[in-house]
Amino acid sequence: MQEISGLIACEECDAIHRRQALDHNEAALCSCCGAELERDMSSYSKRALPLTLAGLIMYIIANIFPVVEMKLQGIVSRTTLMGSVSTLSAEGMPLVAFLVLVTTILFPLMQLLILAYLLGSINRTEHLPAFNLLARLAQTLRPWSMVEVFLLGTIVTFVKLTSMATVLPGAALWAFGILTILLAAVFSFNPRYIWQVASLKKGEKQNADG
């Protein structure tokens, strides 16, 4: 979204509209293509920050505990997500191991930490270091976080392995399922709205001080 003197440019078709005052949870749509121009975000930070913190807790559980436990001929095998990355690298698939590392471990963690920082600092009126850079980074990383893809692949593998061995879902698998839902809830709104929420909070404080 580009804002120029109270005007808004649609990100989909570049049509120019004049900004309108929005009521609670109301959204403005482009009259040309129907894309969402902006949405009232007055209550966004109240919901997003607890969901982000819960996502961090689920992320820790998902990376500490085993994803699955497999029993075959009396031999019990357990693996964590990081253990899977190490195994892929040791088996001669370093590229696949790297992709799993960045898309299911590094990028989701970076997103959660950045969002926790931004949402936790929204109520401050002073300038925060790298606020704009981190907000842009959160939006850039969004398509590259593939926790849901990993979860789907794990479930498919889990179902196939049940015909050959006794396979039990680990705590990490359940945590990944919850994390996927939490991330979907947190990113149900575009990260660019963080700027809108920050401006709204800053304006409210300045009016109260004045």
C-alpha atoms as a PDB file:
ATOM      1  CA  MET A   1       0.000   0.000   0.000  1.00  0.00           C
ATOM      2  CA  GLN A   2       1.244   3.478  -0.847  1.00  0.00           C
ATOM      3  CA  GLU A   3      -0.237   6.453   0.979  1.00  0.00           C
ATOM      4  CA  ILE A   4      -0.056   9.943  -0.589  1.00  0.00           C
ATOM      5  CA  SER A   5      -1.934  12.819   1.053  1.00  0.00           C
ATOM      6  CA  GLY A   6      -4.838  10.676   2.206  1.00  0.00           C
ATOM      7  CA  LEU A   7      -4.896   8.577  -0.956  1.00  0.00           C
ATOM      8  CA  ILE A   8      -4.428   4.812  -1.215  1.00  0.00           C
ATOM      9  CA  ALA A   9      -3.143   2.880  -4.210  1.00  0.00           C
ATOM     10  CA  CYS A  10      -4.546  -0.623  -4.692  1.00  0.00           C
ATOM     11  CA  GLU A  11      -1.754  -3.204  -4.658  1.00  0.00           C
ATOM     12  CA  GLU A  12      -3.576  -5.365  -7.217  1.00  0.00           C
ATOM     13  CA  CYS A  13      -4.651  -2.938  -9.951  1.00  0.00           C
ATOM     14  CA  ASP A  14      -2.981   0.380  -8.918  1.00  0.00           C
ATOM     15  CA  ALA A  15      -6.305   2.199  -8.764  1.00  0.00           C
ATOM     16  CA  ILE A  16      -6.195   5.323  -6.580  1.00  0.00           C
ATOM     17  CA  HIS A  17      -8.773   5.794  -3.816  1.00  0.00           C
ATOM     18  CA  ARG A  18      -9.345   8.373  -1.117  1.00  0.00           C
ATOM     19  CA  ARG A  19      -8.941   7.038   2.415  1.00  0.00           C
ATOM     20  CA  GLN A  20     -12.187   6.607   4.343  1.00  0.00           C
ATOM     21  CA  ALA A  21     -12.675   6.398   8.092  1.00  0.00           C
ATOM     22  CA  LEU A  22     -13.287   2.773   9.102  1.00  0.00           C
ATOM     23  CA  ASP A  23     -15.415   1.480  11.943  1.00  0.00           C
ATOM     24  CA  HIS A  24     -14.429  -1.430  14.202  1.00  0.00           C
ATOM     25  CA  ASN A  25     -13.254  -4.450  12.123  1.00  0.00           C
ATOM     26  CA  GLU A  26     -14.427  -2.755   8.929  1.00  0.00           C
ATOM     27  CA  ALA A  27     -12.462  -3.168   5.688  1.00  0.00           C
ATOM     28  CA  ALA A  28     -12.166  -0.952   2.616  1.00  0.00           C
ATOM     29  CA  LEU A  29     -12.212  -2.689  -0.780  1.00  0.00           C
ATOM     30  CA  CYS A  30     -11.067  -1.528  -4.170  1.00  0.00           C
ATOM     31  CA  SER A  31     -14.024  -0.523  -6.337  1.00  0.00           C
ATOM     32  CA  CYS A  32     -12.211  -1.722  -9.473  1.00  0.00           C
ATOM     33  CA  CYS A  33     -10.934  -5.194  -8.587  1.00  0.00           C
ATOM     34  CA  GLY A  34     -12.390  -5.869  -5.133  1.00  0.00           C
ATOM     35  CA  ALA A  35      -8.995  -6.274  -3.421  1.00  0.00           C
ATOM     36  CA  GLU A  36      -8.685  -5.225   0.207  1.00  0.00           C
ATOM     37  CA  LEU A  37      -7.219  -1.728   0.560  1.00  0.00           C
ATOM     38  CA  GLU A  38      -7.019  -1.514   4.331  1.00  0.00           C
ATOM     39  CA  ARG A  39      -8.729  -2.813   7.450  1.00  0.00           C
ATOM     40  CA  ASP A  40      -9.448  -1.434  10.904  1.00  0.00           C
ATOM     41  CA  MET A  41      -6.693  -2.866  13.070  1.00  0.00           C
ATOM     42  CA  SER A  42      -7.515  -1.303  16.439  1.00  0.00           C
ATOM     43  CA  SER A  43      -7.781  -4.715  18.120  1.00  0.00           C
ATOM     44  CA  TYR A  44      -5.148  -6.549  16.063  1.00  0.00           C
ATOM     45  CA  SER A  45      -2.202  -6.182  18.463  1.00  0.00           C
ATOM     46  CA  LYS A  46      -4.291  -7.421  21.410  1.00  0.00           C
ATOM     47  CA  ARG A  47      -4.910 -10.722  19.605  1.00  0.00           C
ATOM     48  CA  ALA A  48      -1.698 -11.064  17.615  1.00  0.00           C
ATOM     49  CA  LEU A  49       0.831 -10.710  20.451  1.00  0.00           C
ATOM     50  CA  PRO A  50      -0.574 -13.554  22.629  1.00  0.00           C
ATOM     51  CA  LEU A  51      -0.852 -15.761  19.536  1.00  0.00           C
ATOM     52  CA  THR A  52       2.763 -14.983  18.618  1.00  0.00           C
ATOM     53  CA  LEU A  53       4.010 -15.817  22.125  1.00  0.00           C
ATOM     54  CA  ALA A  54       2.015 -19.054  22.064  1.00  0.00           C
ATOM     55  CA  GLY A  55       3.581 -19.802  18.698  1.00  0.00           C
ATOM     56  CA  LEU A  56       7.062 -19.362  20.193  1.00  0.00           C
ATOM     57  CA  ILE A  57       6.206 -21.860  22.938  1.00  0.00           C
ATOM     58  CA  MET A  58       4.935 -24.376  20.377  1.00  0.00           C
ATOM     59  CA  TYR A  59       8.026 -23.774  18.260  1.00  0.00           C
ATOM     60  CA  ILE A  60      10.310 -24.661  21.184  1.00  0.00           C
ATOM     61  CA  ILE A  61       8.339 -27.829  21.906  1.00  0.00           C
ATOM     62  CA  ALA A  62       8.342 -28.786  18.222  1.00  0.00           C
ATOM     63  CA  ASN A  63      12.130 -28.538  18.033  1.00  0.00           C
ATOM     64  CA  ILE A  64      13.030 -30.154  21.369  1.00  0.00           C
ATOM     65  CA  PHE A  65      10.823 -33.248  21.421  1.00  0.00           C
ATOM     66  CA  PRO A  66      10.800 -36.110  18.876  1.00  0.00           C
ATOM     67  CA  VAL A  67       8.564 -35.750  15.849  1.00  0.00           C
ATOM     68  CA  VAL A  68       7.793 -39.481  15.615  1.00  0.00           C
ATOM     69  CA  GLU A  69       8.745 -42.724  17.356  1.00  0.00           C
ATOM     70  CA  MET A  70       9.082 -45.860  15.239  1.00  0.00           C
ATOM     71  CA  LYS A  71       9.324 -49.440  16.501  1.00  0.00           C
ATOM     72  CA  LEU A  72      10.562 -52.073  14.048  1.00  0.00           C
ATOM     73  CA  GLN A  73      11.642 -55.585  15.077  1.00  0.00           C
ATOM     74  CA  GLY A  74      12.222 -54.486  18.647  1.00  0.00           C
ATOM     75  CA  ILE A  75      14.327 -51.471  17.650  1.00  0.00           C
ATOM     76  CA  VAL A  76      12.989 -48.090  18.723  1.00  0.00           C
ATOM     77  CA  SER A  77      13.960 -45.003  16.729  1.00  0.00           C
ATOM     78  CA  ARG A  78      13.162 -41.409  17.636  1.00  0.00           C
ATOM     79  CA  THR A  79      14.045 -38.291  15.706  1.00  0.00           C
ATOM     80  CA  THR A  80      13.745 -34.563  16.189  1.00  0.00           C
ATOM     81  CA  LEU A  81      13.503 -32.010  13.413  1.00  0.00           C
ATOM     82  CA  MET A  82      17.136 -31.017  13.792  1.00  0.00           C
ATOM     83  CA  GLY A  83      18.058 -34.700  13.838  1.00  0.00           C
ATOM     84  CA  SER A  84      16.262 -35.098  10.514  1.00  0.00           C
ATOM     85  CA  VAL A  85      18.304 -32.235   9.071  1.00  0.00           C
ATOM     86  CA  SER A  86      21.528 -33.868  10.274  1.00  0.00           C
ATOM     87  CA  THR A  87      20.472 -37.226   8.821  1.00  0.00           C
ATOM     88  CA  LEU A  88      19.656 -35.709   5.429  1.00  0.00           C
ATOM     89  CA  SER A  89      23.031 -34.019   5.335  1.00  0.00           C
ATOM     90  CA  ALA A  90      24.844 -37.217   6.353  1.00  0.00           C
ATOM     91  CA  GLU A  91      22.981 -39.207   3.676  1.00  0.00           C
ATOM     92  CA  GLY A  92      24.371 -37.011   0.920  1.00  0.00           C
ATOM     93  CA  MET A  93      21.452 -34.590   0.561  1.00  0.00           C
ATOM     94  CA  PRO A  94      22.895 -31.311   1.879  1.00  0.00           C
ATOM     95  CA  LEU A  95      20.665 -29.139  -0.316  1.00  0.00           C
ATOM     96  CA  VAL A  96      17.492 -30.794   0.969  1.00  0.00           C
ATOM     97  CA  ALA A  97      18.840 -30.545   4.520  1.00  0.00           C
ATOM     98  CA  PHE A  98      19.512 -26.825   4.011  1.00  0.00           C
ATOM     99  CA  LEU A  99      16.005 -26.213   2.635  1.00  0.00           C
ATOM    100  CA  VAL A 100      14.425 -28.015   5.600  1.00  0.00           C
ATOM    101  CA  LEU A 101      16.635 -26.045   7.978  1.00  0.00           C
ATOM    102  CA  VAL A 102      15.761 -22.606   6.636  1.00  0.00           C
ATOM    103  CA  THR A 103      12.074 -23.152   5.789  1.00  0.00           C
ATOM    104  CA  THR A 104      10.994 -25.070   8.907  1.00  0.00           C
ATOM    105  CA  ILE A 105      13.484 -23.937  11.573  1.00  0.00           C
ATOM    106  CA  LEU A 106      15.233 -20.631  10.852  1.00  0.00           C
ATOM    107  CA  PHE A 107      12.602 -18.627   8.969  1.00  0.00           C
ATOM    108  CA  PRO A 108       9.648 -19.495  11.263  1.00  0.00           C
ATOM    109  CA  LEU A 109      11.769 -18.598  14.307  1.00  0.00           C
ATOM    110  CA  MET A 110      12.829 -15.299  12.721  1.00  0.00           C
ATOM    111  CA  GLN A 111       9.216 -14.467  11.889  1.00  0.00           C
ATOM    112  CA  LEU A 112       7.990 -15.187  15.402  1.00  0.00           C
ATOM    113  CA  LEU A 113      10.797 -13.235  17.073  1.00  0.00           C
ATOM    114  CA  ILE A 114      10.374 -10.256  14.744  1.00  0.00           C
ATOM    115  CA  LEU A 115       6.611 -10.178  15.250  1.00  0.00           C
ATOM    116  CA  ALA A 116       6.978 -10.481  19.022  1.00  0.00           C
ATOM    117  CA  TYR A 117       9.380  -7.525  18.996  1.00  0.00           C
ATOM    118  CA  LEU A 118       7.232  -5.378  16.712  1.00  0.00           C
ATOM    119  CA  LEU A 119       3.928  -6.138  18.420  1.00  0.00           C
ATOM    120  CA  GLY A 120       5.440  -5.737  21.868  1.00  0.00           C
ATOM    121  CA  SER A 121       6.812  -2.322  20.964  1.00  0.00           C
ATOM    122  CA  ILE A 122       3.734  -0.912  19.258  1.00  0.00           C
ATOM    123  CA  ASN A 123       2.556   0.919  22.395  1.00  0.00           C
ATOM    124  CA  ARG A 124       5.783   2.928  22.596  1.00  0.00           C
ATOM    125  CA  THR A 125       5.848   6.394  21.110  1.00  0.00           C
ATOM    126  CA  GLU A 126       9.619   6.718  20.739  1.00  0.00           C
ATOM    127  CA  HIS A 127      11.399   5.557  17.598  1.00  0.00           C
ATOM    128  CA  LEU A 128      12.498   1.938  17.757  1.00  0.00           C
ATOM    129  CA  PRO A 129      15.700   0.733  16.082  1.00  0.00           C
ATOM    130  CA  ALA A 130      15.125  -0.988  12.744  1.00  0.00           C
ATOM    131  CA  PHE A 131      11.315  -0.990  13.131  1.00  0.00           C
ATOM    132  CA  ASN A 132      10.688  -0.449   9.409  1.00  0.00           C
ATOM    133  CA  LEU A 133      13.427  -2.884   8.385  1.00  0.00           C
ATOM    134  CA  LEU A 134      12.078  -5.651  10.624  1.00  0.00           C
ATOM    135  CA  ALA A 135       8.497  -5.074   9.480  1.00  0.00           C
ATOM    136  CA  ARG A 136       9.601  -5.412   5.857  1.00  0.00           C
ATOM    137  CA  LEU A 137      11.675  -8.485   6.706  1.00  0.00           C
ATOM    138  CA  ALA A 138       8.663 -10.157   8.349  1.00  0.00           C
ATOM    139  CA  GLN A 139       6.665  -9.609   5.177  1.00  0.00           C
ATOM    140  CA  THR A 140       9.519 -10.885   2.984  1.00  0.00           C
ATOM    141  CA  LEU A 141       9.979 -14.079   5.016  1.00  0.00           C
ATOM    142  CA  ARG A 142       6.287 -14.903   5.047  1.00  0.00           C
ATOM    143  CA  PRO A 143       6.191 -16.982   1.802  1.00  0.00           C
ATOM    144  CA  TRP A 144       9.333 -18.894   2.794  1.00  0.00           C
ATOM    145  CA  SER A 145       8.045 -20.226   6.101  1.00  0.00           C
ATOM    146  CA  MET A 146       6.765 -23.702   5.208  1.00  0.00           C
ATOM    147  CA  VAL A 147       5.783 -25.275   8.511  1.00  0.00           C
ATOM    148  CA  GLU A 148       2.478 -26.413   7.040  1.00  0.00           C
ATOM    149  CA  VAL A 149       4.256 -28.107   4.109  1.00  0.00           C
ATOM    150  CA  PHE A 150       6.535 -29.966   6.511  1.00  0.00           C
ATOM    151  CA  LEU A 151       3.536 -30.986   8.639  1.00  0.00           C
ATOM    152  CA  LEU A 152       1.664 -32.323   5.607  1.00  0.00           C
ATOM    153  CA  GLY A 153       4.707 -34.278   4.428  1.00  0.00           C
ATOM    154  CA  THR A 154       5.226 -35.721   7.909  1.00  0.00           C
ATOM    155  CA  ILE A 155       1.602 -36.861   8.139  1.00  0.00           C
ATOM    156  CA  VAL A 156       1.803 -38.544   4.705  1.00  0.00           C
ATOM    157  CA  THR A 157       5.020 -40.314   5.721  1.00  0.00           C
ATOM    158  CA  PHE A 158       3.482 -41.271   9.053  1.00  0.00           C
ATOM    159  CA  VAL A 159       0.518 -42.935   7.340  1.00  0.00           C
ATOM    160  CA  LYS A 160       2.760 -44.847   4.907  1.00  0.00           C
ATOM    161  CA  LEU A 161       5.083 -46.104   7.648  1.00  0.00           C
ATOM    162  CA  THR A 162       2.239 -47.519   9.748  1.00  0.00           C
ATOM    163  CA  SER A 163       1.975 -50.459   7.312  1.00  0.00           C
ATOM    164  CA  MET A 164       5.613 -51.436   7.937  1.00  0.00           C
ATOM    165  CA  ALA A 165       6.214 -50.627  11.593  1.00  0.00           C
ATOM    166  CA  THR A 166       4.629 -49.304  14.751  1.00  0.00           C
ATOM    167  CA  VAL A 167       4.759 -45.529  14.435  1.00  0.00           C
ATOM    168  CA  LEU A 168       3.704 -43.201  17.234  1.00  0.00           C
ATOM    169  CA  PRO A 169       3.337 -39.419  16.843  1.00  0.00           C
ATOM    170  CA  GLY A 170       5.690 -37.478  19.082  1.00  0.00           C
ATOM    171  CA  ALA A 171       4.973 -34.331  21.060  1.00  0.00           C
ATOM    172  CA  ALA A 172       6.709 -32.306  18.356  1.00  0.00           C
ATOM    173  CA  LEU A 173       4.217 -33.438  15.714  1.00  0.00           C
ATOM    174  CA  TRP A 174       1.292 -32.181  17.788  1.00  0.00           C
ATOM    175  CA  ALA A 175       3.204 -28.967  18.492  1.00  0.00           C
ATOM    176  CA  PHE A 176       3.775 -28.464  14.769  1.00  0.00           C
ATOM    177  CA  GLY A 177       0.047 -28.861  14.165  1.00  0.00           C
ATOM    178  CA  ILE A 178      -0.787 -26.217  16.766  1.00  0.00           C
ATOM    179  CA  LEU A 179       2.014 -23.978  15.474  1.00  0.00           C
ATOM    180  CA  THR A 180       0.581 -24.160  11.957  1.00  0.00           C
ATOM    181  CA  ILE A 181      -2.819 -22.986  13.225  1.00  0.00           C
ATOM    182  CA  LEU A 182      -1.257 -20.194  15.295  1.00  0.00           C
ATOM    183  CA  LEU A 183       0.843 -18.948  12.386  1.00  0.00           C
ATOM    184  CA  ALA A 184      -2.219 -18.959  10.144  1.00  0.00           C
ATOM    185  CA  ALA A 185      -4.093 -16.892  12.748  1.00  0.00           C
ATOM    186  CA  VAL A 186      -1.224 -14.436  13.242  1.00  0.00           C
ATOM    187  CA  PHE A 187      -0.719 -13.942   9.504  1.00  0.00           C
ATOM    188  CA  SER A 188      -4.401 -13.768   8.675  1.00  0.00           C
ATOM    189  CA  PHE A 189      -3.627 -10.073   8.369  1.00  0.00           C
ATOM    190  CA  ASN A 190      -0.898  -8.681   6.158  1.00  0.00           C
ATOM    191  CA  PRO A 191       2.261  -7.698   8.106  1.00  0.00           C
ATOM    192  CA  ARG A 192       2.051  -4.232   6.555  1.00  0.00           C
ATOM    193  CA  TYR A 193      -0.771  -3.529   9.023  1.00  0.00           C
ATOM    194  CA  ILE A 194       1.883  -3.351  11.737  1.00  0.00           C
ATOM    195  CA  TRP A 195       2.697   0.142  10.491  1.00  0.00           C
ATOM    196  CA  GLN A 196      -0.973   1.058  10.652  1.00  0.00           C
ATOM    197  CA  VAL A 197      -1.327  -0.212  14.216  1.00  0.00           C
ATOM    198  CA  ALA A 198       1.860   1.567  15.305  1.00  0.00           C
ATOM    199  CA  SER A 199       0.669   4.850  13.800  1.00  0.00           C
ATOM    200  CA  LEU A 200      -2.735   4.441  15.442  1.00  0.00           C
ATOM    201  CA  LYS A 201      -1.245   3.799  18.885  1.00  0.00           C
ATOM    202  CA  LYS A 202       1.205   6.673  18.535  1.00  0.00           C
ATOM    203  CA  GLY A 203      -1.583   9.027  17.537  1.00  0.00           C
ATOM    204  CA  GLU A 204      -3.733   7.961  20.486  1.00  0.00           C
ATOM    205  CA  LYS A 205      -0.888   8.600  22.948  1.00  0.00           C
ATOM    206  CA  GLN A 206      -0.044  11.951  21.439  1.00  0.00           C
ATOM    207  CA  ASN A 207      -3.707  13.029  21.712  1.00  0.00           C
ATOM    208  CA  ALA A 208      -3.825  11.856  25.317  1.00  0.00           C
ATOM    209  CA  ASP A 209      -0.632  13.734  26.188  1.00  0.00           C
ATOM    210  CA  GLY A 210      -1.884  16.823  24.413  1.00  0.00           C
END
